[in-house]
PDB file of N, CA and C in Angstrom:
ATOM      1  N   MET A   1       0.846  -1.184   0.026  1.00  0.00           N
ATOM      2  CA  MET A   1      -0.035  -0.031  -0.040  1.00  0.00           C
ATOM      3  C   MET A   1       0.882   1.229  -0.014  1.00  0.00           C
ATOM      4  N   ASN A   2       0.499   2.153  -0.830  1.00  0.00           N
ATOM      5  CA  ASN A   2       1.320   3.410  -0.956  1.00  0.00           C
ATOM      6  C   ASN A   2       0.541   4.522  -0.342  1.00  0.00           C
ATOM      7  N   VAL A   3       0.916   5.103   0.762  1.00  0.00           N
ATOM      8  CA  VAL A   3       0.262   6.254   1.392  1.00  0.00           C
ATOM      9  C   VAL A   3       1.084   7.471   1.038  1.00  0.00           C
ATOM     10  N   VAL A   4       0.349   8.490   0.559  1.00  0.00           N
ATOM     11  CA  VAL A   4       1.009   9.769   0.222  1.00  0.00           C
ATOM     12  C   VAL A   4       1.305  10.535   1.461  1.00  0.00           C
ATOM     13  N   ARG A   5       2.513  10.976   1.687  1.00  0.00           N
ATOM     14  CA  ARG A   5       2.868  11.763   2.790  1.00  0.00           C
ATOM     15  C   ARG A   5       2.568  13.217   2.590  1.00  0.00           C
ATOM     16  N   ALA A   6       2.315  13.931   3.755  1.00  0.00           N
ATOM     17  CA  ALA A   6       1.988  15.330   3.655  1.00  0.00           C
ATOM     18  C   ALA A   6       3.287  16.080   3.226  1.00  0.00           C
ATOM     19  N   HIS A   7       3.159  17.150   2.619  1.00  0.00           N
ATOM     20  CA  HIS A   7       4.278  18.046   2.390  1.00  0.00           C
ATOM     21  C   HIS A   7       4.051  19.396   2.981  1.00  0.00           C
ATOM     22  N   ARG A   8       4.968  20.243   2.958  1.00  0.00           N
ATOM     23  CA  ARG A   8       4.929  21.523   3.648  1.00  0.00           C
ATOM     24  C   ARG A   8       3.663  22.296   3.264  1.00  0.00           C
ATOM     25  N   GLY A   9       3.195  22.262   2.092  1.00  0.00           N
ATOM     26  CA  GLY A   9       2.029  23.010   1.638  1.00  0.00           C
ATOM     27  C   GLY A   9       0.715  22.494   2.229  1.00  0.00           C
ATOM     28  N   GLN A  10       0.797  21.354   2.927  1.00  0.00           N
ATOM     29  CA  GLN A  10      -0.453  20.783   3.423  1.00  0.00           C
ATOM     30  C   GLN A  10      -0.487  20.874   4.970  1.00  0.00           C
ATOM     31  N   LEU A  11       0.394  21.759   5.542  1.00  0.00           N
ATOM     32  CA  LEU A  11       0.438  21.939   6.988  1.00  0.00           C
ATOM     33  C   LEU A  11      -0.110  23.379   7.228  1.00  0.00           C
ATOM     34  N   PHE A  12      -1.166  23.412   8.067  1.00  0.00           N
ATOM     35  CA  PHE A  12      -1.875  24.632   8.364  1.00  0.00           C
ATOM     36  C   PHE A  12      -1.795  24.873   9.888  1.00  0.00           C
ATOM     37  N   GLU A  13      -1.252  25.972  10.296  1.00  0.00           N
ATOM     38  CA  GLU A  13      -1.250  26.294  11.717  1.00  0.00           C
ATOM     39  C   GLU A  13      -2.101  27.537  11.989  1.00  0.00           C
ATOM     40  N   TYR A  14      -2.960  27.434  12.963  1.00  0.00           N
ATOM     41  CA  TYR A  14      -3.883  28.484  13.308  1.00  0.00           C
ATOM     42  C   TYR A  14      -3.803  28.683  14.813  1.00  0.00           C
ATOM     43  N   GLY A  15      -2.730  29.300  15.272  1.00  0.00           N
ATOM     44  CA  GLY A  15      -2.574  29.507  16.668  1.00  0.00           C
ATOM     45  C   GLY A  15      -2.550  28.221  17.504  1.00  0.00           C
ATOM     46  N   PRO A  16      -3.562  27.983  18.354  1.00  0.00           N
ATOM     47  CA  PRO A  16      -3.547  26.738  19.213  1.00  0.00           C
ATOM     48  C   PRO A  16      -3.864  25.435  18.553  1.00  0.00           C
ATOM     49  N   PHE A  17      -4.135  25.426  17.241  1.00  0.00           N
ATOM     50  CA  PHE A  17      -4.288  24.094  16.572  1.00  0.00           C
ATOM     51  C   PHE A  17      -3.604  24.062  15.293  1.00  0.00           C
ATOM     52  N   THR A  18      -3.192  22.858  14.942  1.00  0.00           N
ATOM     53  CA  THR A  18      -2.437  22.540  13.721  1.00  0.00           C
ATOM     54  C   THR A  18      -3.169  21.429  12.959  1.00  0.00           C
ATOM     55  N   ILE A  19      -3.224  21.600  11.653  1.00  0.00           N
ATOM     56  CA  ILE A  19      -3.843  20.543  10.780  1.00  0.00           C
ATOM     57  C   ILE A  19      -2.800  20.132   9.755  1.00  0.00           C
ATOM     58  N   ARG A  20      -2.551  18.830   9.656  1.00  0.00           N
ATOM     59  CA  ARG A  20      -1.720  18.310   8.614  1.00  0.00           C
ATOM     60  C   ARG A  20      -2.676  17.525   7.713  1.00  0.00           C
ATOM     61  N   ARG A  21      -2.861  17.960   6.500  1.00  0.00           N
ATOM     62  CA  ARG A  21      -3.831  17.340   5.561  1.00  0.00           C
ATOM     63  C   ARG A  21      -3.122  16.259   4.697  1.00  0.00           C
ATOM     64  N   LEU A  22      -3.656  15.123   4.717  1.00  0.00           N
ATOM     65  CA  LEU A  22      -3.237  13.996   3.925  1.00  0.00           C
ATOM     66  C   LEU A  22      -4.233  13.576   2.871  1.00  0.00           C
ATOM     67  N   ARG A  23      -3.828  13.350   1.731  1.00  0.00           N
ATOM     68  CA  ARG A  23      -4.702  12.839   0.670  1.00  0.00           C
ATOM     69  C   ARG A  23      -4.259  11.418   0.283  1.00  0.00           C
ATOM     70  N   PRO A  24      -4.823  10.399   0.892  1.00  0.00           N
ATOM     71  CA  PRO A  24      -4.236   9.046   0.667  1.00  0.00           C
ATOM     72  C   PRO A  24      -4.326   8.457  -0.704  1.00  0.00           C
ATOM     73  N   GLY A  25      -5.213   8.939  -1.569  1.00  0.00           N
ATOM     74  CA  GLY A  25      -5.378   8.490  -2.927  1.00  0.00           C
ATOM     75  C   GLY A  25      -6.414   7.333  -3.080  1.00  0.00           C
ATOM     76  N   GLU A  26      -6.389   6.745  -4.263  1.00  0.00           N
ATOM     77  CA  GLU A  26      -7.427   5.797  -4.656  1.00  0.00           C
ATOM     78  C   GLU A  26      -7.412   4.544  -3.779  1.00  0.00           C
ATOM     79  N   ARG A  27      -6.309   4.174  -3.223  1.00  0.00           N
ATOM     80  CA  ARG A  27      -6.227   2.903  -2.535  1.00  0.00           C
ATOM     81  C   ARG A  27      -7.152   2.857  -1.272  1.00  0.00           C
ATOM     82  N   PHE A  28      -7.559   4.077  -0.836  1.00  0.00           N
ATOM     83  CA  PHE A  28      -8.452   4.104   0.352  1.00  0.00           C
ATOM     84  C   PHE A  28      -9.929   4.342  -0.071  1.00  0.00           C
ATOM     85  N   GLY A  29     -10.192   4.241  -1.358  1.00  0.00           N
ATOM     86  CA  GLY A  29     -11.615   4.324  -1.813  1.00  0.00           C
ATOM     87  C   GLY A  29     -12.152   5.647  -1.652  1.00  0.00           C
ATOM     88  N   PRO A  30     -13.314   5.704  -0.916  1.00  0.00           N
ATOM     89  CA  PRO A  30     -13.979   6.969  -0.675  1.00  0.00           C
ATOM     90  C   PRO A  30     -13.335   7.924   0.355  1.00  0.00           C
ATOM     91  N   LEU A  31     -12.321   7.422   1.028  1.00  0.00           N
ATOM     92  CA  LEU A  31     -11.650   8.254   2.016  1.00  0.00           C
ATOM     93  C   LEU A  31     -10.776   9.264   1.306  1.00  0.00           C
ATOM     94  N   ALA A  32     -11.310  10.443   1.080  1.00  0.00           N
ATOM     95  CA  ALA A  32     -10.647  11.450   0.302  1.00  0.00           C
ATOM     96  C   ALA A  32      -9.571  12.242   1.003  1.00  0.00           C
ATOM     97  N   ILE A  33      -9.856  12.610   2.263  1.00  0.00           N
ATOM     98  CA  ILE A  33      -8.896  13.514   3.002  1.00  0.00           C
ATOM     99  C   ILE A  33      -8.822  12.945   4.400  1.00  0.00           C
ATOM    100  N   VAL A  34      -7.623  12.918   4.951  1.00  0.00           N
ATOM    101  CA  VAL A  34      -7.355  12.641   6.383  1.00  0.00           C
ATOM    102  C   VAL A  34      -6.700  13.918   6.963  1.00  0.00           C
ATOM    103  N   ASP A  35      -7.365  14.541   7.971  1.00  0.00           N
ATOM    104  CA  ASP A  35      -6.746  15.615   8.664  1.00  0.00           C
ATOM    105  C   ASP A  35      -6.231  15.153   9.971  1.00  0.00           C
ATOM    106  N   MET A  36      -4.894  15.226  10.164  1.00  0.00           N
ATOM    107  CA  MET A  36      -4.293  15.017  11.499  1.00  0.00           C
ATOM    108  C   MET A  36      -4.208  16.340  12.224  1.00  0.00           C
ATOM    109  N   THR A  37      -5.054  16.462  13.281  1.00  0.00           N
ATOM    110  CA  THR A  37      -5.249  17.794  13.971  1.00  0.00           C
ATOM    111  C   THR A  37      -4.676  17.642  15.375  1.00  0.00           C
ATOM    112  N   THR A  38      -3.942  18.644  15.809  1.00  0.00           N
ATOM    113  CA  THR A  38      -3.496  18.757  17.194  1.00  0.00           C
ATOM    114  C   THR A  38      -4.140  20.001  17.743  1.00  0.00           C
ATOM    115  N   LEU A  39      -4.871  19.789  18.868  1.00  0.00           N
ATOM    116  CA  LEU A  39      -5.532  20.919  19.589  1.00  0.00           C
ATOM    117  C   LEU A  39      -4.850  21.106  20.905  1.00  0.00           C
ATOM    118  N   LYS A  40      -4.289  22.289  21.131  1.00  0.00           N
ATOM    119  CA  LYS A  40      -3.669  22.557  22.433  1.00  0.00           C
ATOM    120  C   LYS A  40      -4.749  22.801  23.447  1.00  0.00           C
ATOM    121  N   LEU A  41      -4.427  22.696  24.683  1.00  0.00           N
ATOM    122  CA  LEU A  41      -5.403  22.918  25.759  1.00  0.00           C
ATOM    123  C   LEU A  41      -6.087  24.276  25.569  1.00  0.00           C
ATOM    124  N   GLY A  42      -7.401  24.301  25.623  1.00  0.00           N
ATOM    125  CA  GLY A  42      -8.118  25.531  25.429  1.00  0.00           C
ATOM    126  C   GLY A  42      -8.407  25.909  23.938  1.00  0.00           C
ATOM    127  N   ALA A  43      -7.863  25.171  23.006  1.00  0.00           N
ATOM    128  CA  ALA A  43      -8.057  25.446  21.583  1.00  0.00           C
ATOM    129  C   ALA A  43      -9.480  25.241  21.198  1.00  0.00           C
ATOM    130  N   ARG A  44      -9.914  26.084  20.183  1.00  0.00           N
ATOM    131  CA  ARG A  44     -11.267  25.964  19.678  1.00  0.00           C
ATOM    132  C   ARG A  44     -11.207  26.167  18.138  1.00  0.00           C
ATOM    133  N   ILE A  45     -11.760  25.217  17.388  1.00  0.00           N
ATOM    134  CA  ILE A  45     -11.937  25.390  15.995  1.00  0.00           C
ATOM    135  C   ILE A  45     -13.371  25.946  15.781  1.00  0.00           C
ATOM    136  N   PRO A  46     -13.418  27.240  15.425  1.00  0.00           N
ATOM    137  CA  PRO A  46     -14.719  27.939  15.430  1.00  0.00           C
ATOM    138  C   PRO A  46     -15.748  27.297  14.552  1.00  0.00           C
ATOM    139  N   MET A  47     -16.988  27.692  14.753  1.00  0.00           N
ATOM    140  CA  MET A  47     -18.140  27.211  14.021  1.00  0.00           C
ATOM    141  C   MET A  47     -17.849  27.258  12.513  1.00  0.00           C
ATOM    142  N   HIS A  48     -18.015  26.141  11.780  1.00  0.00           N
ATOM    143  CA  HIS A  48     -17.776  26.087  10.384  1.00  0.00           C
ATOM    144  C   HIS A  48     -18.782  25.156   9.702  1.00  0.00           C
ATOM    145  N   LYS A  49     -18.853  25.184   8.415  1.00  0.00           N
ATOM    146  CA  LYS A  49     -19.863  24.351   7.750  1.00  0.00           C
ATOM    147  C   LYS A  49     -19.239  23.293   6.898  1.00  0.00           C
ATOM    148  N   HIS A  50     -19.863  22.128   6.859  1.00  0.00           N
ATOM    149  CA  HIS A  50     -19.506  21.056   5.911  1.00  0.00           C
ATOM    150  C   HIS A  50     -20.746  20.784   5.103  1.00  0.00           C
ATOM    151  N   VAL A  51     -20.541  20.496   3.785  1.00  0.00           N
ATOM    152  CA  VAL A  51     -21.632  20.088   2.883  1.00  0.00           C
ATOM    153  C   VAL A  51     -21.265  18.797   2.167  1.00  0.00           C
ATOM    154  N   ASN A  52     -22.234  17.822   2.155  1.00  0.00           N
ATOM    155  CA  ASN A  52     -21.986  16.536   1.457  1.00  0.00           C
ATOM    156  C   ASN A  52     -20.699  15.871   1.935  1.00  0.00           C
ATOM    157  N   ASP A  53     -20.456  15.831   3.235  1.00  0.00           N
ATOM    158  CA  ASP A  53     -19.347  15.110   3.811  1.00  0.00           C
ATOM    159  C   ASP A  53     -19.751  14.099   4.810  1.00  0.00           C
ATOM    160  N   ASP A  54     -19.080  12.983   4.817  1.00  0.00           N
ATOM    161  CA  ASP A  54     -19.260  12.047   5.879  1.00  0.00           C
ATOM    162  C   ASP A  54     -17.997  12.224   6.733  1.00  0.00           C
ATOM    163  N   ILE A  55     -18.141  12.602   8.014  1.00  0.00           N
ATOM    164  CA  ILE A  55     -17.047  12.921   8.870  1.00  0.00           C
ATOM    165  C   ILE A  55     -16.892  11.924   9.936  1.00  0.00           C
ATOM    166  N   LEU A  56     -15.741  11.272   9.997  1.00  0.00           N
ATOM    167  CA  LEU A  56     -15.402  10.398  11.097  1.00  0.00           C
ATOM    168  C   LEU A  56     -14.243  11.041  11.906  1.00  0.00           C
ATOM    169  N   SER A  57     -14.481  11.224  13.186  1.00  0.00           N
ATOM    170  CA  SER A  57     -13.451  11.884  14.017  1.00  0.00           C
ATOM    171  C   SER A  57     -12.997  10.841  15.056  1.00  0.00           C
ATOM    172  N   TYR A  58     -11.672  10.578  15.026  1.00  0.00           N
ATOM    173  CA  TYR A  58     -11.105   9.619  16.000  1.00  0.00           C
ATOM    174  C   TYR A  58     -10.068  10.372  16.901  1.00  0.00           C
ATOM    175  N   VAL A  59     -10.256  10.376  18.110  1.00  0.00           N
ATOM    176  CA  VAL A  59      -9.338  10.991  19.034  1.00  0.00           C
ATOM    177  C   VAL A  59      -8.228   9.964  19.369  1.00  0.00           C
ATOM    178  N   TRP A  60      -7.023  10.316  18.973  1.00  0.00           N
ATOM    179  CA  TRP A  60      -5.850   9.468  19.176  1.00  0.00           C
ATOM    180  C   TRP A  60      -5.391   9.634  20.613  1.00  0.00           C
ATOM    181  N   ARG A  61      -5.436  10.937  21.104  1.00  0.00           N
ATOM    182  CA  ARG A  61      -4.961  11.160  22.458  1.00  0.00           C
ATOM    183  C   ARG A  61      -5.787  12.356  22.967  1.00  0.00           C
ATOM    184  N   GLY A  62      -6.131  12.349  24.236  1.00  0.00           N
ATOM    185  CA  GLY A  62      -6.836  13.520  24.828  1.00  0.00           C
ATOM    186  C   GLY A  62      -8.311  13.357  24.701  1.00  0.00           C
ATOM    187  N   SER A  63      -9.021  14.493  24.647  1.00  0.00           N
ATOM    188  CA  SER A  63     -10.486  14.539  24.470  1.00  0.00           C
ATOM    189  C   SER A  63     -10.912  15.792  23.797  1.00  0.00           C
ATOM    190  N   VAL A  64     -12.017  15.703  23.098  1.00  0.00           N
ATOM    191  CA  VAL A  64     -12.510  16.821  22.282  1.00  0.00           C
ATOM    192  C   VAL A  64     -14.027  17.021  22.588  1.00  0.00           C
ATOM    193  N   GLN A  65     -14.472  18.271  22.540  1.00  0.00           N
ATOM    194  CA  GLN A  65     -15.875  18.538  22.648  1.00  0.00           C
ATOM    195  C   GLN A  65     -16.449  19.041  21.379  1.00  0.00           C
ATOM    196  N   HIS A  66     -17.465  18.423  20.852  1.00  0.00           N
ATOM    197  CA  HIS A  66     -18.164  18.790  19.603  1.00  0.00           C
ATOM    198  C   HIS A  66     -19.345  19.616  20.037  1.00  0.00           C
ATOM    199  N   THR A  67     -19.588  20.791  19.384  1.00  0.00           N
ATOM    200  CA  THR A  67     -20.710  21.657  19.701  1.00  0.00           C
ATOM    201  C   THR A  67     -21.436  21.911  18.334  1.00  0.00           C
ATOM    202  N   ASP A  68     -22.780  21.730  18.365  1.00  0.00           N
ATOM    203  CA  ASP A  68     -23.501  22.038  17.137  1.00  0.00           C
ATOM    204  C   ASP A  68     -24.151  23.464  17.199  1.00  0.00           C
ATOM    205  N   VAL A  69     -24.957  23.834  16.165  1.00  0.00           N
ATOM    206  CA  VAL A  69     -25.513  25.205  16.112  1.00  0.00           C
ATOM    207  C   VAL A  69     -26.528  25.377  17.238  1.00  0.00           C
ATOM    208  N   ASN A  70     -27.061  24.344  17.815  1.00  0.00           N
ATOM    209  CA  ASN A  70     -28.092  24.463  18.879  1.00  0.00           C
ATOM    210  C   ASN A  70     -27.424  24.491  20.249  1.00  0.00           C
ATOM    211  N   SER A  71     -26.083  24.572  20.253  1.00  0.00           N
ATOM    212  CA  SER A  71     -25.261  24.581  21.498  1.00  0.00           C
ATOM    213  C   SER A  71     -25.270  23.217  22.227  1.00  0.00           C
ATOM    214  N   ALA A  72     -25.671  22.173  21.516  1.00  0.00           N
ATOM    215  CA  ALA A  72     -25.635  20.784  22.113  1.00  0.00           C
ATOM    216  C   ALA A  72     -24.206  20.378  22.125  1.00  0.00           C
ATOM    217  N   ARG A  73     -23.708  19.952  23.272  1.00  0.00           N
ATOM    218  CA  ARG A  73     -22.227  19.599  23.388  1.00  0.00           C
ATOM    219  C   ARG A  73     -22.140  17.999  23.590  1.00  0.00           C
ATOM    220  N   THR A  74     -21.217  17.456  22.755  1.00  0.00           N
ATOM    221  CA  THR A  74     -20.947  16.040  22.802  1.00  0.00           C
ATOM    222  C   THR A  74     -19.483  15.788  23.007  1.00  0.00           C
ATOM    223  N   PRO A  75     -19.006  15.279  24.158  1.00  0.00           N
ATOM    224  CA  PRO A  75     -17.581  15.000  24.279  1.00  0.00           C
ATOM    225  C   PRO A  75     -17.254  13.647  23.595  1.00  0.00           C
ATOM    226  N   PHE A  76     -16.015  13.599  23.128  1.00  0.00           N
ATOM    227  CA  PHE A  76     -15.564  12.290  22.543  1.00  0.00           C
ATOM    228  C   PHE A  76     -14.116  12.128  22.836  1.00  0.00           C
ATOM    229  N   SER A  77     -13.678  10.862  22.825  1.00  0.00           N
ATOM    230  CA  SER A  77     -12.264  10.547  23.159  1.00  0.00           C
ATOM    231  C   SER A  77     -11.918   9.222  22.415  1.00  0.00           C
ATOM    232  N   ALA A  78     -10.798   8.667  22.795  1.00  0.00           N
ATOM    233  CA  ALA A  78     -10.429   7.373  22.140  1.00  0.00           C
ATOM    234  C   ALA A  78     -11.448   6.231  22.425  1.00  0.00           C
ATOM    235  N   LYS A  79     -12.267   6.447  23.454  1.00  0.00           N
ATOM    236  CA  LYS A  79     -13.271   5.473  23.766  1.00  0.00           C
ATOM    237  C   LYS A  79     -14.616   5.700  23.082  1.00  0.00           C
ATOM    238  N   ARG A  80     -14.732   6.899  22.449  1.00  0.00           N
ATOM    239  CA  ARG A  80     -15.983   7.211  21.753  1.00  0.00           C
ATOM    240  C   ARG A  80     -15.719   7.980  20.524  1.00  0.00           C
ATOM    241  N   VAL A  81     -15.949   7.324  19.333  1.00  0.00           N
ATOM    242  CA  VAL A  81     -15.700   7.944  18.020  1.00  0.00           C
ATOM    243  C   VAL A  81     -16.944   8.668  17.625  1.00  0.00           C
ATOM    244  N   MET A  82     -16.725   9.742  16.807  1.00  0.00           N
ATOM    245  CA  MET A  82     -17.830  10.526  16.314  1.00  0.00           C
ATOM    246  C   MET A  82     -17.972  10.386  14.852  1.00  0.00           C
ATOM    247  N   VAL A  83     -19.192  10.088  14.336  1.00  0.00           N
ATOM    248  CA  VAL A  83     -19.480   9.984  12.913  1.00  0.00           C
ATOM    249  C   VAL A  83     -20.576  10.927  12.663  1.00  0.00           C
ATOM    250  N   VAL A  84     -20.426  11.795  11.676  1.00  0.00           N
ATOM    251  CA  VAL A  84     -21.406  12.786  11.302  1.00  0.00           C
ATOM    252  C   VAL A  84     -21.620  12.807   9.786  1.00  0.00           C
ATOM    253  N   ASN A  85     -22.884  12.792   9.353  1.00  0.00           N
ATOM    254  CA  ASN A  85     -23.187  12.938   7.905  1.00  0.00           C
ATOM    255  C   ASN A  85     -23.653  14.434   7.748  1.00  0.00           C
ATOM    256  N   ALA A  86     -22.934  15.236   6.928  1.00  0.00           N
ATOM    257  CA  ALA A  86     -23.285  16.608   6.785  1.00  0.00           C
ATOM    258  C   ALA A  86     -24.401  16.804   5.782  1.00  0.00           C
ATOM    259  N   GLY A  87     -24.641  15.913   4.806  1.00  0.00           N
ATOM    260  CA  GLY A  87     -25.710  16.036   3.921  1.00  0.00           C
ATOM    261  C   GLY A  87     -25.714  17.425   3.245  1.00  0.00           C
ATOM    262  N   GLU A  88     -26.877  18.095   3.326  1.00  0.00           N
ATOM    263  CA  GLU A  88     -27.069  19.438   2.757  1.00  0.00           C
ATOM    264  C   GLU A  88     -26.346  20.562   3.516  1.00  0.00           C
ATOM    265  N   GLY A  89     -25.861  20.206   4.695  1.00  0.00           N
ATOM    266  CA  GLY A  89     -25.164  21.216   5.431  1.00  0.00           C
ATOM    267  C   GLY A  89     -25.142  20.963   6.908  1.00  0.00           C
ATOM    268  N   LEU A  90     -23.971  21.099   7.558  1.00  0.00           N
ATOM    269  CA  LEU A  90     -23.812  20.893   9.009  1.00  0.00           C
ATOM    270  C   LEU A  90     -22.877  22.006   9.521  1.00  0.00           C
ATOM    271  N   ARG A  91     -23.258  22.745  10.473  1.00  0.00           N
ATOM    272  CA  ARG A  91     -22.329  23.660  11.129  1.00  0.00           C
ATOM    273  C   ARG A  91     -21.997  23.107  12.567  1.00  0.00           C
ATOM    274  N   HIS A  92     -20.722  23.226  12.881  1.00  0.00           N
ATOM    275  CA  HIS A  92     -20.259  22.741  14.202  1.00  0.00           C
ATOM    276  C   HIS A  92     -18.951  23.343  14.539  1.00  0.00           C
ATOM    277  N   GLU A  93     -18.488  23.110  15.745  1.00  0.00           N
ATOM    278  CA  GLU A  93     -17.097  23.511  16.205  1.00  0.00           C
ATOM    279  C   GLU A  93     -16.628  22.401  17.086  1.00  0.00           C
ATOM    280  N   GLU A  94     -15.292  22.405  17.239  1.00  0.00           N
ATOM    281  CA  GLU A  94     -14.654  21.438  18.189  1.00  0.00           C
ATOM    282  C   GLU A  94     -13.748  22.250  19.071  1.00  0.00           C
ATOM    283  N   SER A  95     -13.527  21.709  20.260  1.00  0.00           N
ATOM    284  CA  SER A  95     -12.644  22.305  21.235  1.00  0.00           C
ATOM    285  C   SER A  95     -11.960  21.330  22.110  1.00  0.00           C
ATOM    286  N   ALA A  96     -10.905  21.731  22.745  1.00  0.00           N
ATOM    287  CA  ALA A  96     -10.183  20.910  23.732  1.00  0.00           C
ATOM    288  C   ALA A  96     -10.173  21.642  25.047  1.00  0.00           C
ATOM    289  N   PRO A  97     -11.295  21.665  25.772  1.00  0.00           N
ATOM    290  CA  PRO A  97     -11.368  22.452  26.978  1.00  0.00           C
ATOM    291  C   PRO A  97     -10.675  21.835  28.189  1.00  0.00           C
ATOM    292  N   LEU A  98     -10.369  20.582  28.187  1.00  0.00           N
ATOM    293  CA  LEU A  98      -9.831  19.897  29.413  1.00  0.00           C
ATOM    294  C   LEU A  98      -8.403  19.405  29.240  1.00  0.00           C
ATOM    295  N   ILE A  99      -7.982  19.018  28.015  1.00  0.00           N
ATOM    296  CA  ILE A  99      -6.681  18.463  27.809  1.00  0.00           C
ATOM    297  C   ILE A  99      -6.339  18.582  26.354  1.00  0.00           C
ATOM    298  N   GLU A 100      -5.035  18.602  26.011  1.00  0.00           N
ATOM    299  CA  GLU A 100      -4.592  18.674  24.644  1.00  0.00           C
ATOM    300  C   GLU A 100      -5.011  17.397  23.947  1.00  0.00           C
ATOM    301  N   ALA A 101      -5.341  17.474  22.634  1.00  0.00           N
ATOM    302  CA  ALA A 101      -5.843  16.332  21.899  1.00  0.00           C
ATOM    303  C   ALA A 101      -5.186  16.202  20.506  1.00  0.00           C
ATOM    304  N   GLU A 102      -5.111  14.975  20.086  1.00  0.00           N
ATOM    305  CA  GLU A 102      -4.686  14.666  18.708  1.00  0.00           C
ATOM    306  C   GLU A 102      -5.789  13.875  18.090  1.00  0.00           C
ATOM    307  N   VAL A 103      -6.246  14.357  16.930  1.00  0.00           N
ATOM    308  CA  VAL A 103      -7.460  13.809  16.298  1.00  0.00           C
ATOM    309  C   VAL A 103      -7.225  13.498  14.836  1.00  0.00           C
ATOM    310  N   LEU A 104      -7.739  12.417  14.408  1.00  0.00           N
ATOM    311  CA  LEU A 104      -7.759  12.041  12.908  1.00  0.00           C
ATOM    312  C   LEU A 104      -9.121  12.253  12.409  1.00  0.00           C
TER     313      LEU A 104
END
């Protein structure tokens, strides 16, 4: 299996969080993008929108809090994976209020 490695142009740093974007290619079928995200303690990825995405979030280390537009909060960690279907549109944010996190 040949996995494409990220290069410098695919590393995004936004203050307290970093995203390394990987595009694994055809061998992974419908898995188009893998974002390796590091959230420092207190980091928040602000409310943003996804359209026509199936989003699987796996916390490798730490814990993350998912918040939707209705302010409903759902914590997840290595023991609880989050899967979301954005369909026609989904707005949400993620944060690391308790501990630093690494998320795929």
